[in-house]
């Protein structure tokens, strides 16, 4: 079964990603607007996409790792200099973004809410 790890912020993402890479794991990451105290993201597209993505995890190989990454608050994310936007390891343009780490496979915004596309990304890994 796919291991799920939830992290908040860029440094926590890099730490988790590097640890899983060192273990030779296939890594998928869903980048989402961070959640409030009630567990709800400020990003409406992220709220729609999360259950679709988590529901399709069964299509990924059993030894894969799924990182759920909170990118921070809305104001932090909207800053053009946000590290998630500028760092070469992520280069995000939007949230939600689902990607296979180290590969070209990437789904953005409403694509993340389409179960057939999400399943295909997980299956092709």
PDB file of N, CA and C in Angstrom:
ATOM      1  N   UNK A   1       0.829  -1.183   0.000  1.00  0.00           N
ATOM      2  CA  UNK A   1       0.000   0.000   0.000  1.00  0.00           C
ATOM      3  C   UNK A   1       0.877   1.251   0.000  1.00  0.00           C
ATOM      4  N   UNK A   2       0.431   2.260  -0.700  1.00  0.00           N
ATOM      5  CA  UNK A   2       1.171   3.507  -0.809  1.00  0.00           C
ATOM      6  C   UNK A   2       1.290   4.164   0.569  1.00  0.00           C
ATOM      7  N   UNK A   3       2.493   4.588   0.897  1.00  0.00           N
ATOM      8  CA  UNK A   3       2.719   5.305   2.157  1.00  0.00           C
ATOM      9  C   UNK A   3       2.382   6.779   1.923  1.00  0.00           C
ATOM     10  N   UNK A   4       1.604   7.379   2.818  1.00  0.00           N
ATOM     11  CA  UNK A   4       1.232   8.783   2.718  1.00  0.00           C
ATOM     12  C   UNK A   4       1.929   9.581   3.807  1.00  0.00           C
ATOM     13  N   UNK A   5       2.542  10.691   3.392  1.00  0.00           N
ATOM     14  CA  UNK A   5       3.227  11.581   4.318  1.00  0.00           C
ATOM     15  C   UNK A   5       2.688  12.986   4.075  1.00  0.00           C
ATOM     16  N   UNK A   6       2.224  13.642   5.141  1.00  0.00           N
ATOM     17  CA  UNK A   6       1.736  15.019   5.016  1.00  0.00           C
ATOM     18  C   UNK A   6       2.761  15.960   5.619  1.00  0.00           C
ATOM     19  N   UNK A   7       3.111  17.002   4.858  1.00  0.00           N
ATOM     20  CA  UNK A   7       4.076  17.997   5.324  1.00  0.00           C
ATOM     21  C   UNK A   7       3.556  19.397   5.027  1.00  0.00           C
ATOM     22  N   UNK A   8       4.074  20.358   5.763  1.00  0.00           N
ATOM     23  CA  UNK A   8       3.729  21.767   5.577  1.00  0.00           C
ATOM     24  C   UNK A   8       4.996  22.549   5.288  1.00  0.00           C
ATOM     25  N   UNK A   9       5.007  23.277   4.186  1.00  0.00           N
ATOM     26  CA  UNK A   9       6.120  24.161   3.880  1.00  0.00           C
ATOM     27  C   UNK A   9       7.193  23.515   3.026  1.00  0.00           C
ATOM     28  N   UNK A  10       8.002  24.383   2.436  1.00  0.00           N
ATOM     29  CA  UNK A  10       9.003  23.931   1.479  1.00  0.00           C
ATOM     30  C   UNK A  10      10.111  23.099   2.122  1.00  0.00           C
ATOM     31  N   UNK A  11      10.638  23.551   3.250  1.00  0.00           N
ATOM     32  CA  UNK A  11      11.732  22.815   3.889  1.00  0.00           C
ATOM     33  C   UNK A  11      11.301  21.403   4.285  1.00  0.00           C
ATOM     34  N   UNK A  12      10.095  21.272   4.813  1.00  0.00           N
ATOM     35  CA  UNK A  12       9.581  19.945   5.192  1.00  0.00           C
ATOM     36  C   UNK A  12       9.393  19.071   3.957  1.00  0.00           C
ATOM     37  N   UNK A  13       8.948  19.678   2.852  1.00  0.00           N
ATOM     38  CA  UNK A  13       8.809  18.941   1.598  1.00  0.00           C
ATOM     39  C   UNK A  13      10.160  18.400   1.140  1.00  0.00           C
ATOM     40  N   UNK A  14      11.171  19.263   1.099  1.00  0.00           N
ATOM     41  CA  UNK A  14      12.490  18.845   0.626  1.00  0.00           C
ATOM     42  C   UNK A  14      13.048  17.736   1.518  1.00  0.00           C
ATOM     43  N   UNK A  15      12.896  17.878   2.827  1.00  0.00           N
ATOM     44  CA  UNK A  15      13.402  16.869   3.766  1.00  0.00           C
ATOM     45  C   UNK A  15      12.729  15.513   3.509  1.00  0.00           C
ATOM     46  N   UNK A  16      11.403  15.515   3.382  1.00  0.00           N
ATOM     47  CA  UNK A  16      10.674  14.263   3.144  1.00  0.00           C
ATOM     48  C   UNK A  16      11.030  13.673   1.782  1.00  0.00           C
ATOM     49  N   UNK A  17      11.112  14.531   0.767  1.00  0.00           N
ATOM     50  CA  UNK A  17      11.431  14.055  -0.583  1.00  0.00           C
ATOM     51  C   UNK A  17      12.821  13.426  -0.626  1.00  0.00           C
ATOM     52  N   UNK A  18      13.798  14.096  -0.037  1.00  0.00           N
ATOM     53  CA  UNK A  18      15.164  13.572  -0.065  1.00  0.00           C
ATOM     54  C   UNK A  18      15.275  12.248   0.693  1.00  0.00           C
ATOM     55  N   UNK A  19      14.578  12.123   1.803  1.00  0.00           N
ATOM     56  CA  UNK A  19      14.610  10.872   2.568  1.00  0.00           C
ATOM     57  C   UNK A  19      14.018   9.722   1.752  1.00  0.00           C
ATOM     58  N   UNK A  20      12.929   9.988   1.048  1.00  0.00           N
ATOM     59  CA  UNK A  20      12.289   8.937   0.249  1.00  0.00           C
ATOM     60  C   UNK A  20      13.102   8.609  -1.000  1.00  0.00           C
ATOM     61  N   UNK A  21      13.736   9.617  -1.582  1.00  0.00           N
ATOM     62  CA  UNK A  21      14.621   9.377  -2.728  1.00  0.00           C
ATOM     63  C   UNK A  21      15.781   8.480  -2.321  1.00  0.00           C
ATOM     64  N   UNK A  22      16.354   8.764  -1.150  1.00  0.00           N
ATOM     65  CA  UNK A  22      17.479   7.975  -0.650  1.00  0.00           C
ATOM     66  C   UNK A  22      17.077   6.518  -0.434  1.00  0.00           C
ATOM     67  N   UNK A  23      15.796   6.306  -0.125  1.00  0.00           N
ATOM     68  CA  UNK A  23      15.288   4.945   0.074  1.00  0.00           C
ATOM     69  C   UNK A  23      14.887   4.297  -1.251  1.00  0.00           C
ATOM     70  N   UNK A  24      15.061   5.015  -2.367  1.00  0.00           N
ATOM     71  CA  UNK A  24      14.768   4.462  -3.679  1.00  0.00           C
ATOM     72  C   UNK A  24      13.292   4.382  -4.016  1.00  0.00           C
ATOM     73  N   UNK A  25      12.486   5.187  -3.372  1.00  0.00           N
ATOM     74  CA  UNK A  25      11.039   5.148  -3.575  1.00  0.00           C
ATOM     75  C   UNK A  25      10.603   5.974  -4.784  1.00  0.00           C
ATOM     76  N   UNK A  26       9.508   5.552  -5.410  1.00  0.00           N
ATOM     77  CA  UNK A  26       8.807   6.374  -6.391  1.00  0.00           C
ATOM     78  C   UNK A  26       7.964   7.357  -5.592  1.00  0.00           C
ATOM     79  N   UNK A  27       8.094   8.644  -5.903  1.00  0.00           N
ATOM     80  CA  UNK A  27       7.444   9.671  -5.092  1.00  0.00           C
ATOM     81  C   UNK A  27       6.462  10.477  -5.928  1.00  0.00           C
ATOM     82  N   UNK A  28       5.251  10.594  -5.411  1.00  0.00           N
ATOM     83  CA  UNK A  28       4.243  11.483  -5.972  1.00  0.00           C
ATOM     84  C   UNK A  28       3.981  12.572  -4.947  1.00  0.00           C
ATOM     85  N   UNK A  29       3.725  13.785  -5.428  1.00  0.00           N
ATOM     86  CA  UNK A  29       3.442  14.877  -4.502  1.00  0.00           C
ATOM     87  C   UNK A  29       2.231  15.663  -4.985  1.00  0.00           C
ATOM     88  N   UNK A  30       1.331  15.936  -4.056  1.00  0.00           N
ATOM     89  CA  UNK A  30       0.205  16.823  -4.310  1.00  0.00           C
ATOM     90  C   UNK A  30       0.474  18.102  -3.539  1.00  0.00           C
ATOM     91  N   UNK A  31       0.608  19.199  -4.261  1.00  0.00           N
ATOM     92  CA  UNK A  31       0.824  20.508  -3.661  1.00  0.00           C
ATOM     93  C   UNK A  31      -0.520  21.205  -3.564  1.00  0.00           C
ATOM     94  N   UNK A  32      -0.850  21.633  -2.365  1.00  0.00           N
ATOM     95  CA  UNK A  32      -2.180  22.163  -2.078  1.00  0.00           C
ATOM     96  C   UNK A  32      -2.074  23.374  -1.165  1.00  0.00           C
ATOM     97  N   UNK A  33      -3.088  24.220  -1.230  1.00  0.00           N
ATOM     98  CA  UNK A  33      -3.165  25.314  -0.269  1.00  0.00           C
ATOM     99  C   UNK A  33      -3.254  24.737   1.128  1.00  0.00           C
ATOM    100  N   UNK A  34      -2.498  25.297   2.062  1.00  0.00           N
ATOM    101  CA  UNK A  34      -2.507  24.776   3.435  1.00  0.00           C
ATOM    102  C   UNK A  34      -3.899  24.857   4.039  1.00  0.00           C
ATOM    103  N   UNK A  35      -4.127  23.993   5.030  1.00  0.00           N
ATOM    104  CA  UNK A  35      -5.450  23.884   5.653  1.00  0.00           C
ATOM    105  C   UNK A  35      -5.528  24.734   6.913  1.00  0.00           C
ATOM    106  N   UNK A  36      -6.754  25.159   7.225  1.00  0.00           N
ATOM    107  CA  UNK A  36      -6.988  25.925   8.452  1.00  0.00           C
ATOM    108  C   UNK A  36      -7.195  24.971   9.627  1.00  0.00           C
ATOM    109  N   UNK A  37      -7.541  25.506  10.769  1.00  0.00           N
ATOM    110  CA  UNK A  37      -7.726  24.705  11.985  1.00  0.00           C
ATOM    111  C   UNK A  37      -8.835  23.672  11.824  1.00  0.00           C
ATOM    112  N   UNK A  38      -9.760  23.903  10.905  1.00  0.00           N
ATOM    113  CA  UNK A  38     -10.856  22.968  10.657  1.00  0.00           C
ATOM    114  C   UNK A  38     -10.499  21.926   9.601  1.00  0.00           C
ATOM    115  N   UNK A  39      -9.277  21.970   9.102  1.00  0.00           N
ATOM    116  CA  UNK A  39      -8.845  20.993   8.109  1.00  0.00           C
ATOM    117  C   UNK A  39      -9.284  21.303   6.695  1.00  0.00           C
ATOM    118  N   UNK A  40      -9.631  22.567   6.424  1.00  0.00           N
ATOM    119  CA  UNK A  40     -10.081  22.939   5.082  1.00  0.00           C
ATOM    120  C   UNK A  40      -9.078  23.886   4.434  1.00  0.00           C
ATOM    121  N   UNK A  41      -8.696  23.573   3.209  1.00  0.00           N
ATOM    122  CA  UNK A  41      -7.768  24.409   2.468  1.00  0.00           C
ATOM    123  C   UNK A  41      -8.440  25.703   2.031  1.00  0.00           C
ATOM    124  N   UNK A  42      -7.646  26.773   1.931  1.00  0.00           N
ATOM    125  CA  UNK A  42      -8.150  28.053   1.422  1.00  0.00           C
ATOM    126  C   UNK A  42      -8.386  27.984  -0.090  1.00  0.00           C
ATOM    127  N   UNK A  43      -7.869  26.959  -0.739  1.00  0.00           N
ATOM    128  CA  UNK A  43      -7.942  26.810  -2.197  1.00  0.00           C
ATOM    129  C   UNK A  43      -9.125  25.913  -2.571  1.00  0.00           C
ATOM    130  N   UNK A  44     -10.179  26.474  -3.193  1.00  0.00           N
ATOM    131  CA  UNK A  44     -11.352  25.654  -3.516  1.00  0.00           C
ATOM    132  C   UNK A  44     -11.050  24.505  -4.481  1.00  0.00           C
ATOM    133  N   UNK A  45     -10.150  24.714  -5.449  1.00  0.00           N
ATOM    134  CA  UNK A  45      -9.795  23.629  -6.373  1.00  0.00           C
ATOM    135  C   UNK A  45      -9.087  22.497  -5.640  1.00  0.00           C
ATOM    136  N   UNK A  46      -8.318  22.848  -4.609  1.00  0.00           N
ATOM    137  CA  UNK A  46      -7.613  21.836  -3.816  1.00  0.00           C
ATOM    138  C   UNK A  46      -8.604  20.982  -3.022  1.00  0.00           C
ATOM    139  N   UNK A  47      -9.639  21.614  -2.505  1.00  0.00           N
ATOM    140  CA  UNK A  47     -10.667  20.902  -1.744  1.00  0.00           C
ATOM    141  C   UNK A  47     -11.349  19.863  -2.640  1.00  0.00           C
ATOM    142  N   UNK A  48     -11.592  20.223  -3.896  1.00  0.00           N
ATOM    143  CA  UNK A  48     -12.232  19.313  -4.847  1.00  0.00           C
ATOM    144  C   UNK A  48     -11.272  18.195  -5.253  1.00  0.00           C
ATOM    145  N   UNK A  49     -10.009  18.535  -5.466  1.00  0.00           N
ATOM    146  CA  UNK A  49      -9.045  17.564  -5.985  1.00  0.00           C
ATOM    147  C   UNK A  49      -8.579  16.532  -4.964  1.00  0.00           C
ATOM    148  N   UNK A  50      -8.452  16.928  -3.709  1.00  0.00           N
ATOM    149  CA  UNK A  50      -7.859  16.028  -2.709  1.00  0.00           C
ATOM    150  C   UNK A  50      -8.540  14.661  -2.630  1.00  0.00           C
ATOM    151  N   UNK A  51      -9.875  14.569  -2.522  1.00  0.00           N
ATOM    152  CA  UNK A  51     -10.474  13.233  -2.440  1.00  0.00           C
ATOM    153  C   UNK A  51     -10.309  12.417  -3.728  1.00  0.00           C
ATOM    154  N   UNK A  52     -10.251  13.091  -4.865  1.00  0.00           N
ATOM    155  CA  UNK A  52     -10.051  12.384  -6.141  1.00  0.00           C
ATOM    156  C   UNK A  52      -8.660  11.767  -6.169  1.00  0.00           C
ATOM    157  N   UNK A  53      -7.666  12.561  -5.803  1.00  0.00           N
ATOM    158  CA  UNK A  53      -6.284  12.083  -5.809  1.00  0.00           C
ATOM    159  C   UNK A  53      -6.100  10.954  -4.796  1.00  0.00           C
ATOM    160  N   UNK A  54      -6.586  11.156  -3.589  1.00  0.00           N
ATOM    161  CA  UNK A  54      -6.429  10.118  -2.567  1.00  0.00           C
ATOM    162  C   UNK A  54      -7.192   8.852  -2.937  1.00  0.00           C
ATOM    163  N   UNK A  55      -8.318   9.002  -3.625  1.00  0.00           N
ATOM    164  CA  UNK A  55      -9.092   7.851  -4.058  1.00  0.00           C
ATOM    165  C   UNK A  55      -8.419   7.033  -5.140  1.00  0.00           C
ATOM    166  N   UNK A  56      -7.508   7.668  -5.881  1.00  0.00           N
ATOM    167  CA  UNK A  56      -6.816   6.978  -6.976  1.00  0.00           C
ATOM    168  C   UNK A  56      -5.473   6.392  -6.556  1.00  0.00           C
ATOM    169  N   UNK A  57      -5.087   6.577  -5.311  1.00  0.00           N
ATOM    170  CA  UNK A  57      -3.774   6.100  -4.864  1.00  0.00           C
ATOM    171  C   UNK A  57      -3.589   4.602  -5.045  1.00  0.00           C
ATOM    172  N   UNK A  58      -4.684   3.862  -5.060  1.00  0.00           N
ATOM    173  CA  UNK A  58      -4.602   2.419  -5.249  1.00  0.00           C
ATOM    174  C   UNK A  58      -4.020   2.023  -6.591  1.00  0.00           C
ATOM    175  N   UNK A  59      -3.990   2.953  -7.536  1.00  0.00           N
ATOM    176  CA  UNK A  59      -3.433   2.680  -8.867  1.00  0.00           C
ATOM    177  C   UNK A  59      -1.910   2.777  -8.875  1.00  0.00           C
ATOM    178  N   UNK A  60      -1.338   3.397  -7.852  1.00  0.00           N
ATOM    179  CA  UNK A  60       0.118   3.521  -7.772  1.00  0.00           C
ATOM    180  C   UNK A  60       0.715   2.218  -7.250  1.00  0.00           C
ATOM    181  N   UNK A  61       1.994   2.002  -7.531  1.00  0.00           N
ATOM    182  CA  UNK A  61       2.642   0.782  -7.043  1.00  0.00           C
ATOM    183  C   UNK A  61       2.688   0.803  -5.516  1.00  0.00           C
ATOM    184  N   UNK A  62       2.660  -0.377  -4.926  1.00  0.00           N
ATOM    185  CA  UNK A  62       2.576  -0.501  -3.472  1.00  0.00           C
ATOM    186  C   UNK A  62       3.772   0.106  -2.743  1.00  0.00           C
ATOM    187  N   UNK A  63       4.917   0.197  -3.415  1.00  0.00           N
ATOM    188  CA  UNK A  63       6.087   0.753  -2.730  1.00  0.00           C
ATOM    189  C   UNK A  63       6.268   2.250  -2.989  1.00  0.00           C
ATOM    190  N   UNK A  64       5.287   2.882  -3.619  1.00  0.00           N
ATOM    191  CA  UNK A  64       5.358   4.321  -3.864  1.00  0.00           C
ATOM    192  C   UNK A  64       5.055   5.098  -2.589  1.00  0.00           C
ATOM    193  N   UNK A  65       5.456   6.375  -2.605  1.00  0.00           N
ATOM    194  CA  UNK A  65       5.208   7.281  -1.491  1.00  0.00           C
ATOM    195  C   UNK A  65       4.419   8.471  -2.028  1.00  0.00           C
ATOM    196  N   UNK A  66       3.399   8.868  -1.269  1.00  0.00           N
ATOM    197  CA  UNK A  66       2.571  10.019  -1.635  1.00  0.00           C
ATOM    198  C   UNK A  66       2.797  11.122  -0.609  1.00  0.00           C
ATOM    199  N   UNK A  67       3.293  12.259  -1.074  1.00  0.00           N
ATOM    200  CA  UNK A  67       3.497  13.417  -0.210  1.00  0.00           C
ATOM    201  C   UNK A  67       2.359  14.401  -0.430  1.00  0.00           C
ATOM    202  N   UNK A  68       1.658  14.738   0.640  1.00  0.00           N
ATOM    203  CA  UNK A  68       0.670  15.815   0.595  1.00  0.00           C
ATOM    204  C   UNK A  68       1.380  17.036   1.163  1.00  0.00           C
ATOM    205  N   UNK A  69       1.548  18.060   0.325  1.00  0.00           N
ATOM    206  CA  UNK A  69       2.365  19.212   0.694  1.00  0.00           C
ATOM    207  C   UNK A  69       1.512  20.473   0.780  1.00  0.00           C
ATOM    208  N   UNK A  70       1.405  21.027   1.967  1.00  0.00           N
ATOM    209  CA  UNK A  70       0.749  22.319   2.150  1.00  0.00           C
ATOM    210  C   UNK A  70       1.726  23.413   1.779  1.00  0.00           C
ATOM    211  N   UNK A  71       1.347  24.266   0.815  1.00  0.00           N
ATOM    212  CA  UNK A  71       2.261  25.298   0.317  1.00  0.00           C
ATOM    213  C   UNK A  71       2.235  26.569   1.150  1.00  0.00           C
ATOM    214  N   UNK A  72       1.385  26.622   2.163  1.00  0.00           N
ATOM    215  CA  UNK A  72       1.285  27.811   2.995  1.00  0.00           C
ATOM    216  C   UNK A  72      -0.027  28.536   2.774  1.00  0.00           C
ATOM    217  N   UNK A  73      -0.137  29.677   3.409  1.00  0.00           N
ATOM    218  CA  UNK A  73      -1.339  30.488   3.291  1.00  0.00           C
ATOM    219  C   UNK A  73      -1.462  31.135   1.929  1.00  0.00           C
ATOM    220  N   UNK A  74      -2.638  31.651   1.646  1.00  0.00           N
ATOM    221  CA  UNK A  74      -2.922  32.238   0.344  1.00  0.00           C
ATOM    222  C   UNK A  74      -1.962  33.376   0.005  1.00  0.00           C
ATOM    223  N   UNK A  75      -1.705  34.278   0.940  1.00  0.00           N
ATOM    224  CA  UNK A  75      -0.817  35.407   0.676  1.00  0.00           C
ATOM    225  C   UNK A  75       0.601  34.943   0.362  1.00  0.00           C
ATOM    226  N   UNK A  76       1.086  33.938   1.081  1.00  0.00           N
ATOM    227  CA  UNK A  76       2.420  33.383   0.819  1.00  0.00           C
ATOM    228  C   UNK A  76       2.465  32.782  -0.585  1.00  0.00           C
ATOM    229  N   UNK A  77       1.458  31.985  -0.933  1.00  0.00           N
ATOM    230  CA  UNK A  77       1.415  31.333  -2.233  1.00  0.00           C
ATOM    231  C   UNK A  77       1.329  32.346  -3.378  1.00  0.00           C
ATOM    232  N   UNK A  78       0.539  33.399  -3.205  1.00  0.00           N
ATOM    233  CA  UNK A  78       0.319  34.375  -4.278  1.00  0.00           C
ATOM    234  C   UNK A  78       1.551  35.230  -4.583  1.00  0.00           C
ATOM    235  N   UNK A  79       2.519  35.274  -3.689  1.00  0.00           N
ATOM    236  CA  UNK A  79       3.741  36.042  -3.914  1.00  0.00           C
ATOM    237  C   UNK A  79       4.520  35.416  -5.083  1.00  0.00           C
ATOM    238  N   UNK A  80       4.825  36.188  -6.133  1.00  0.00           N
ATOM    239  CA  UNK A  80       5.565  35.635  -7.273  1.00  0.00           C
ATOM    240  C   UNK A  80       6.927  35.046  -6.887  1.00  0.00           C
ATOM    241  N   UNK A  81       7.467  35.462  -5.734  1.00  0.00           N
ATOM    242  CA  UNK A  81       8.754  34.940  -5.283  1.00  0.00           C
ATOM    243  C   UNK A  81       8.618  33.735  -4.344  1.00  0.00           C
ATOM    244  N   UNK A  82       7.403  33.212  -4.216  1.00  0.00           N
ATOM    245  CA  UNK A  82       7.180  32.025  -3.386  1.00  0.00           C
ATOM    246  C   UNK A  82       8.144  30.918  -3.814  1.00  0.00           C
ATOM    247  N   UNK A  83       8.816  30.313  -2.851  1.00  0.00           N
ATOM    248  CA  UNK A  83       9.833  29.302  -3.144  1.00  0.00           C
ATOM    249  C   UNK A  83       9.259  28.118  -3.931  1.00  0.00           C
ATOM    250  N   UNK A  84       8.002  27.776  -3.715  1.00  0.00           N
ATOM    251  CA  UNK A  84       7.401  26.685  -4.489  1.00  0.00           C
ATOM    252  C   UNK A  84       7.320  27.048  -5.973  1.00  0.00           C
ATOM    253  N   UNK A  85       7.205  28.338  -6.279  1.00  0.00           N
ATOM    254  CA  UNK A  85       7.152  28.800  -7.663  1.00  0.00           C
ATOM    255  C   UNK A  85       8.541  28.894  -8.294  1.00  0.00           C
ATOM    256  N   UNK A  86       9.533  29.279  -7.499  1.00  0.00           N
ATOM    257  CA  UNK A  86      10.842  29.611  -8.049  1.00  0.00           C
ATOM    258  C   UNK A  86      11.862  28.482  -7.990  1.00  0.00           C
ATOM    259  N   UNK A  87      11.732  27.552  -7.082  1.00  0.00           N
ATOM    260  CA  UNK A  87      12.731  26.493  -6.942  1.00  0.00           C
ATOM    261  C   UNK A  87      12.643  25.519  -8.118  1.00  0.00           C
ATOM    262  N   UNK A  88      13.795  25.125  -8.640  1.00  0.00           N
ATOM    263  CA  UNK A  88      13.838  24.248  -9.822  1.00  0.00           C
ATOM    264  C   UNK A  88      13.242  22.868  -9.560  1.00  0.00           C
ATOM    265  N   UNK A  89      13.144  22.465  -8.295  1.00  0.00           N
ATOM    266  CA  UNK A  89      12.593  21.139  -7.987  1.00  0.00           C
ATOM    267  C   UNK A  89      11.078  21.105  -8.074  1.00  0.00           C
ATOM    268  N   UNK A  90      10.442  22.259  -8.032  1.00  0.00           N
ATOM    269  CA  UNK A  90       8.981  22.291  -8.071  1.00  0.00           C
ATOM    270  C   UNK A  90       8.443  23.132  -9.227  1.00  0.00           C
ATOM    271  N   UNK A  91       8.871  24.374  -9.340  1.00  0.00           N
ATOM    272  CA  UNK A  91       8.409  25.304 -10.386  1.00  0.00           C
ATOM    273  C   UNK A  91       6.887  25.268 -10.559  1.00  0.00           C
ATOM    274  N   UNK A  92       6.177  25.422  -9.477  1.00  0.00           N
ATOM    275  CA  UNK A  92       4.716  25.376  -9.530  1.00  0.00           C
ATOM    276  C   UNK A  92       4.153  26.646 -10.160  1.00  0.00           C
ATOM    277  N   UNK A  93       3.094  26.462 -10.922  1.00  0.00           N
ATOM    278  CA  UNK A  93       2.359  27.584 -11.496  1.00  0.00           C
ATOM    279  C   UNK A  93       0.987  27.727 -10.851  1.00  0.00           C
ATOM    280  N   UNK A  94       0.529  26.636 -10.235  1.00  0.00           N
ATOM    281  CA  UNK A  94      -0.820  26.645  -9.659  1.00  0.00           C
ATOM    282  C   UNK A  94      -0.926  25.568  -8.588  1.00  0.00           C
ATOM    283  N   UNK A  95      -1.930  25.726  -7.744  1.00  0.00           N
ATOM    284  CA  UNK A  95      -2.331  24.661  -6.834  1.00  0.00           C
ATOM    285  C   UNK A  95      -3.804  24.387  -7.112  1.00  0.00           C
ATOM    286  N   UNK A  96      -4.210  23.141  -7.066  1.00  0.00           N
ATOM    287  CA  UNK A  96      -3.387  21.971  -6.793  1.00  0.00           C
ATOM    288  C   UNK A  96      -2.508  21.601  -7.986  1.00  0.00           C
ATOM    289  N   UNK A  97      -1.372  21.006  -7.683  1.00  0.00           N
ATOM    290  CA  UNK A  97      -0.510  20.385  -8.679  1.00  0.00           C
ATOM    291  C   UNK A  97      -0.138  19.010  -8.151  1.00  0.00           C
ATOM    292  N   UNK A  98      -0.316  18.005  -8.985  1.00  0.00           N
ATOM    293  CA  UNK A  98       0.080  16.632  -8.664  1.00  0.00           C
ATOM    294  C   UNK A  98       1.210  16.269  -9.610  1.00  0.00           C
ATOM    295  N   UNK A  99       2.308  15.788  -9.056  1.00  0.00           N
ATOM    296  CA  UNK A  99       3.431  15.423  -9.921  1.00  0.00           C
ATOM    297  C   UNK A  99       4.146  14.188  -9.431  1.00  0.00           C
ATOM    298  N   UNK A 100       4.826  13.562 -10.392  1.00  0.00           N
ATOM    299  CA  UNK A 100       5.769  12.499 -10.047  1.00  0.00           C
ATOM    300  C   UNK A 100       7.113  13.193  -9.916  1.00  0.00           C
ATOM    301  N   UNK A 101       7.740  13.047  -8.762  1.00  0.00           N
ATOM    302  CA  UNK A 101       9.021  13.693  -8.511  1.00  0.00           C
ATOM    303  C   UNK A 101      10.089  13.057  -9.401  1.00  0.00           C
ATOM    304  N   UNK A 102      10.844  13.914 -10.080  1.00  0.00           N
ATOM    305  CA  UNK A 102      11.922  13.434 -10.940  1.00  0.00           C
ATOM    306  C   UNK A 102      11.490  13.086 -12.341  1.00  0.00           C
ATOM    307  N   UNK A 103      10.228  13.306 -12.664  1.00  0.00           N
ATOM    308  CA  UNK A 103       9.745  13.002 -14.006  1.00  0.00           C
ATOM    309  C   UNK A 103       8.913  14.149 -14.553  1.00  0.00           C
ATOM    310  N   UNK A 104       8.530  14.056 -15.807  1.00  0.00           N
ATOM    311  CA  UNK A 104       7.771  15.146 -16.426  1.00  0.00           C
ATOM    312  C   UNK A 104       6.276  15.108 -16.106  1.00  0.00           C
ATOM    313  N   UNK A 105       5.803  14.005 -15.532  1.00  0.00           N
ATOM    314  CA  UNK A 105       4.363  13.857 -15.297  1.00  0.00           C
ATOM    315  C   UNK A 105       3.880  14.883 -14.289  1.00  0.00           C
ATOM    316  N   UNK A 106       2.835  15.646 -14.704  1.00  0.00           N
ATOM    317  CA  UNK A 106       2.316  16.711 -13.849  1.00  0.00           C
ATOM    318  C   UNK A 106       0.885  17.013 -14.266  1.00  0.00           C
ATOM    319  N   UNK A 107       0.016  17.142 -13.271  1.00  0.00           N
ATOM    320  CA  UNK A 107      -1.354  17.587 -13.496  1.00  0.00           C
ATOM    321  C   UNK A 107      -1.549  18.868 -12.694  1.00  0.00           C
ATOM    322  N   UNK A 108      -2.284  19.815 -13.270  1.00  0.00           N
ATOM    323  CA  UNK A 108      -2.480  21.100 -12.610  1.00  0.00           C
ATOM    324  C   UNK A 108      -3.961  21.456 -12.557  1.00  0.00           C
ATOM    325  N   UNK A 109      -4.319  22.164 -11.499  1.00  0.00           N
ATOM    326  CA  UNK A 109      -5.653  22.708 -11.271  1.00  0.00           C
ATOM    327  C   UNK A 109      -6.747  21.680 -11.519  1.00  0.00           C
ATOM    328  N   UNK A 110      -7.680  21.960 -12.449  1.00  0.00           N
ATOM    329  CA  UNK A 110      -8.842  21.091 -12.622  1.00  0.00           C
ATOM    330  C   UNK A 110      -8.472  19.688 -13.105  1.00  0.00           C
ATOM    331  N   UNK A 111      -7.289  19.508 -13.684  1.00  0.00           N
ATOM    332  CA  UNK A 111      -6.852  18.166 -14.098  1.00  0.00           C
ATOM    333  C   UNK A 111      -6.753  17.242 -12.883  1.00  0.00           C
ATOM    334  N   UNK A 112      -6.418  17.807 -11.729  1.00  0.00           N
ATOM    335  CA  UNK A 112      -6.259  17.008 -10.506  1.00  0.00           C
ATOM    336  C   UNK A 112      -7.592  16.471  -9.989  1.00  0.00           C
ATOM    337  N   UNK A 113      -8.706  16.981 -10.490  1.00  0.00           N
ATOM    338  CA  UNK A 113     -10.029  16.523 -10.062  1.00  0.00           C
ATOM    339  C   UNK A 113     -10.625  15.531 -11.061  1.00  0.00           C
ATOM    340  N   UNK A 114      -9.863  15.157 -12.079  1.00  0.00           N
ATOM    341  CA  UNK A 114     -10.336  14.198 -13.088  1.00  0.00           C
ATOM    342  C   UNK A 114      -9.726  12.841 -12.784  1.00  0.00           C
ATOM    343  N   UNK A 115     -10.561  11.938 -12.276  1.00  0.00           N
ATOM    344  CA  UNK A 115     -10.048  10.655 -11.793  1.00  0.00           C
ATOM    345  C   UNK A 115      -9.309   9.876 -12.872  1.00  0.00           C
ATOM    346  N   UNK A 116      -9.759   9.934 -14.129  1.00  0.00           N
ATOM    347  CA  UNK A 116      -9.068   9.181 -15.171  1.00  0.00           C
ATOM    348  C   UNK A 116      -7.651   9.698 -15.395  1.00  0.00           C
ATOM    349  N   UNK A 117      -7.467  11.013 -15.342  1.00  0.00           N
ATOM    350  CA  UNK A 117      -6.134  11.576 -15.530  1.00  0.00           C
ATOM    351  C   UNK A 117      -5.223  11.268 -14.338  1.00  0.00           C
ATOM    352  N   UNK A 118      -5.781  11.359 -13.135  1.00  0.00           N
ATOM    353  CA  UNK A 118      -5.009  11.068 -11.927  1.00  0.00           C
ATOM    354  C   UNK A 118      -4.589   9.599 -11.918  1.00  0.00           C
ATOM    355  N   UNK A 119      -5.525   8.715 -12.231  1.00  0.00           N
ATOM    356  CA  UNK A 119      -5.201   7.285 -12.262  1.00  0.00           C
ATOM    357  C   UNK A 119      -4.108   6.990 -13.300  1.00  0.00           C
ATOM    358  N   UNK A 120      -4.176   7.649 -14.446  1.00  0.00           N
ATOM    359  CA  UNK A 120      -3.184   7.427 -15.485  1.00  0.00           C
ATOM    360  C   UNK A 120      -1.799   7.875 -15.006  1.00  0.00           C
ATOM    361  N   UNK A 121      -1.725   8.990 -14.297  1.00  0.00           N
ATOM    362  CA  UNK A 121      -0.434   9.453 -13.786  1.00  0.00           C
ATOM    363  C   UNK A 121       0.127   8.426 -12.814  1.00  0.00           C
ATOM    364  N   UNK A 122      -0.693   7.890 -11.924  1.00  0.00           N
ATOM    365  CA  UNK A 122      -0.223   6.904 -10.958  1.00  0.00           C
ATOM    366  C   UNK A 122       0.180   5.581 -11.648  1.00  0.00           C
ATOM    367  N   UNK A 123      -0.600   5.151 -12.645  1.00  0.00           N
ATOM    368  CA  UNK A 123      -0.337   3.879 -13.314  1.00  0.00           C
ATOM    369  C   UNK A 123       0.917   3.903 -14.164  1.00  0.00           C
ATOM    370  N   UNK A 124       1.220   5.064 -14.760  1.00  0.00           N
ATOM    371  CA  UNK A 124       2.337   5.160 -15.683  1.00  0.00           C
ATOM    372  C   UNK A 124       3.680   5.242 -14.996  1.00  0.00           C
ATOM    373  N   UNK A 125       3.677   5.336 -13.707  1.00  0.00           N
ATOM    374  CA  UNK A 125       4.942   5.549 -12.984  1.00  0.00           C
ATOM    375  C   UNK A 125       5.770   4.287 -12.935  1.00  0.00           C
TER     376      UNK A 125
END
